[in-house]
Amino acid sequence: MSKRLQELAKTQWRIADSALRHADADDERRACYVVMRELRPHLDSEDAFIERIGRAADESYRILAAWEGGQVMALAGYRFQENLVYGKFLYVDDLVSAEHARGKRWGERLLKALEAVAAQAGCARLVLDTGMANALAQRFYFRQGLLTGAMRFGKAIGGAA
């Protein structure tokens, strides 16, 4: 990863929504585990989750979380990337609300905050992927002004899922 993208990952962005803040400390990241597991059930232990986030942080990954009463209600994991298709962009790896907090506009608020972060960072786009069968998420993204621009193909290598 370029030094410029590494610096972007460490920047303290202006987030207008006071309920949203980055989970950069270990205890804040641990507080995100239960909500992240709703989206990524294969993350079978909190310690493995923390280790994986640590490795991803080396690639500019951060978690922006929605907090209410000291609890994580929703979160968005994101990173900065650059390629020949988009130039510099913000990629949303994860976006999930706790089941009990769904319908309370946390996802919308997180996406708006990430759009602001992307603009502050000088990114050309905000990009995310969702499963082809995830019609609810697709409808949500369309309502948020995100449009489909590609179809991603993939293949497991060496027995990896």
Protein backbone atom coordinates (compact mmCIF):
# COMPACT_ATOMS: atom_id res chain seq x y z
CA MET A 1 0.00 0.00 0.00
CA SER A 2 1.28 3.45 -0.82
CA LYS A 3 2.47 5.77 1.91
CA ARG A 4 -0.26 8.23 0.88
CA LEU A 5 -3.01 5.66 1.50
CA GLN A 6 -1.43 4.69 4.84
CA GLU A 7 -1.53 8.34 5.92
CA LEU A 8 -5.19 8.62 4.89
CA ALA A 9 -6.01 5.64 7.10
CA LYS A 10 -4.58 7.40 10.16
CA THR A 11 -6.32 10.73 9.58
CA GLN A 12 -8.91 11.90 12.10
CA TRP A 13 -11.82 12.72 9.81
CA ARG A 14 -14.50 15.28 10.61
CA ILE A 15 -17.66 13.26 11.29
CA ALA A 16 -20.71 15.50 11.73
CA ASP A 17 -22.87 12.80 13.36
CA SER A 18 -21.93 12.69 17.05
CA ALA A 19 -23.19 9.09 17.44
CA LEU A 20 -20.54 7.86 14.99
CA ARG A 21 -16.89 7.38 15.84
CA HIS A 22 -14.02 5.20 14.75
CA ALA A 23 -13.29 2.04 16.70
CA ASP A 24 -9.51 2.30 16.75
CA ALA A 25 -8.71 1.15 20.29
CA ASP A 26 -8.70 -2.56 21.09
CA ASP A 27 -11.66 -2.33 23.49
CA GLU A 28 -13.70 -0.39 20.90
CA ARG A 29 -12.92 -3.00 18.26
CA ARG A 30 -13.92 -5.77 20.66
CA ALA A 31 -17.24 -3.99 21.21
CA CYS A 32 -17.85 -4.30 17.44
CA TYR A 33 -17.44 -8.08 17.32
CA VAL A 34 -21.02 -9.08 18.16
CA VAL A 35 -22.46 -6.80 15.46
CA MET A 36 -19.83 -7.78 12.87
CA ARG A 37 -20.58 -11.44 13.52
CA GLU A 38 -24.14 -10.87 12.29
CA LEU A 39 -22.66 -10.05 8.88
CA ARG A 40 -19.63 -12.36 9.05
CA PRO A 41 -20.71 -15.47 11.02
CA HIS A 42 -17.52 -17.30 10.03
CA LEU A 43 -15.62 -15.06 12.49
CA ASP A 44 -15.90 -17.62 15.28
CA SER A 45 -13.93 -15.87 18.02
CA GLU A 46 -13.41 -12.34 19.22
CA ASP A 47 -9.63 -12.86 19.35
CA ALA A 48 -9.53 -14.05 15.72
CA PHE A 49 -11.62 -11.01 14.77
CA ILE A 50 -9.16 -8.66 16.51
CA GLU A 51 -6.20 -10.38 14.81
CA ARG A 52 -7.86 -10.10 11.40
CA ILE A 53 -8.67 -6.42 11.92
CA GLY A 54 -5.05 -5.81 12.90
CA ARG A 55 -3.83 -7.31 9.64
CA ALA A 56 -6.46 -5.42 7.64
CA ALA A 57 -5.47 -2.16 9.39
CA ASP A 58 -2.08 -2.56 7.71
CA GLU A 59 -4.05 -2.12 4.46
CA SER A 60 -5.83 1.04 5.75
CA TYR A 61 -8.92 -0.77 7.14
CA ARG A 62 -10.89 1.05 9.84
CA ILE A 63 -14.25 0.60 11.50
CA LEU A 64 -16.66 3.50 11.85
CA ALA A 65 -19.23 2.52 14.47
CA ALA A 66 -22.60 3.87 15.56
CA TRP A 67 -22.76 4.04 19.35
CA GLU A 68 -25.78 4.37 21.61
CA GLY A 69 -25.55 4.04 25.38
CA GLY A 70 -22.01 2.68 25.09
CA GLN A 71 -23.15 -0.14 22.77
CA VAL A 72 -22.39 -0.59 19.07
CA MET A 73 -25.63 -0.38 17.08
CA ALA A 74 -24.09 -0.60 13.59
CA LEU A 75 -20.74 -0.40 11.90
CA ALA A 76 -18.99 0.10 8.60
CA GLY A 77 -15.56 -1.33 7.87
CA TYR A 78 -13.77 0.54 5.11
CA ARG A 79 -10.40 1.17 3.51
CA PHE A 80 -8.80 3.47 0.99
CA GLN A 81 -7.67 1.99 -2.30
CA GLU A 82 -6.44 3.16 -5.65
CA ASN A 83 -6.70 1.49 -9.03
CA LEU A 84 -6.83 2.29 -12.73
CA VAL A 85 -10.63 1.98 -12.87
CA TYR A 86 -11.57 4.56 -10.20
CA GLY A 87 -8.39 6.31 -9.17
CA LYS A 88 -8.41 6.85 -5.39
CA PHE A 89 -11.58 5.51 -3.76
CA LEU A 90 -13.10 4.48 -0.46
CA TYR A 91 -14.10 0.81 -0.39
CA VAL A 92 -16.73 -0.33 2.11
CA ASP A 93 -15.87 -3.88 3.17
CA ASP A 94 -18.63 -4.26 5.77
CA LEU A 95 -21.88 -2.49 6.57
CA VAL A 96 -24.20 -3.98 9.18
CA SER A 97 -26.69 -2.93 11.83
CA ALA A 98 -27.39 -5.06 14.88
CA GLU A 99 -30.62 -6.95 14.35
CA HIS A 100 -32.34 -5.10 17.20
CA ALA A 101 -31.25 -1.73 15.73
CA ARG A 102 -32.40 -2.26 12.15
CA GLY A 103 -34.84 0.26 10.72
CA LYS A 104 -33.32 3.08 12.80
CA ARG A 105 -31.36 4.58 9.86
CA TRP A 106 -27.91 3.64 11.17
CA GLY A 107 -26.84 2.32 7.76
CA GLU A 108 -27.91 5.53 6.07
CA ARG A 109 -26.06 7.61 8.65
CA LEU A 110 -22.90 5.53 8.30
CA LEU A 111 -22.95 5.79 4.50
CA LYS A 112 -23.41 9.58 4.66
CA ALA A 113 -20.46 9.82 7.05
CA LEU A 114 -18.33 7.63 4.75
CA GLU A 115 -19.26 9.82 1.79
CA ALA A 116 -17.97 12.80 3.79
CA VAL A 117 -14.77 10.92 4.69
CA ALA A 118 -14.26 10.02 1.02
CA ALA A 119 -14.75 13.65 -0.02
CA GLN A 120 -12.33 14.91 2.67
CA ALA A 121 -9.76 12.36 1.46
CA GLY A 122 -10.12 13.47 -2.15
CA CYS A 123 -11.55 10.15 -3.30
CA ALA A 124 -13.22 9.86 -6.68
CA ARG A 125 -15.78 7.25 -5.53
CA LEU A 126 -17.28 5.22 -2.73
CA VAL A 127 -17.52 1.55 -3.74
CA LEU A 128 -18.99 -1.55 -2.11
CA ASP A 129 -20.04 -5.07 -3.04
CA THR A 130 -23.08 -7.04 -2.00
CA GLY A 131 -24.22 -10.57 -2.71
CA MET A 132 -26.34 -11.17 -5.79
CA ALA A 133 -29.03 -12.80 -3.65
CA ASN A 134 -29.13 -10.00 -1.06
CA ALA A 135 -32.16 -8.14 -2.44
CA LEU A 136 -32.79 -6.21 0.79
CA ALA A 137 -29.30 -4.75 0.78
CA GLN A 138 -29.54 -3.96 -2.93
CA ARG A 139 -32.77 -2.01 -2.40
CA PHE A 140 -31.17 -0.14 0.49
CA TYR A 141 -28.13 0.79 -1.61
CA PHE A 142 -30.29 2.00 -4.49
CA ARG A 143 -32.25 4.19 -2.05
CA GLN A 144 -28.93 5.64 -0.86
CA GLY A 145 -28.01 6.64 -4.42
CA LEU A 146 -25.53 3.84 -5.07
CA LEU A 147 -25.80 2.30 -8.51
CA THR A 148 -24.57 -1.00 -9.92
CA GLY A 149 -21.57 -0.54 -12.14
CA ALA A 150 -20.09 -3.98 -12.48
CA MET A 151 -20.49 -7.65 -11.71
CA ARG A 152 -17.67 -9.19 -9.71
CA PHE A 153 -16.41 -12.68 -10.48
CA GLY A 154 -14.29 -14.78 -8.16
CA LYS A 155 -12.87 -18.23 -7.68
CA ALA A 156 -11.64 -19.95 -4.54
CA ILE A 157 -7.98 -20.91 -4.74
CA GLY A 158 -6.47 -23.92 -3.00
CA GLY A 159 -9.59 -24.91 -1.10
CA ALA A 160 -10.08 -21.49 0.51
CA ALA A 161 -13.67 -20.34 0.91
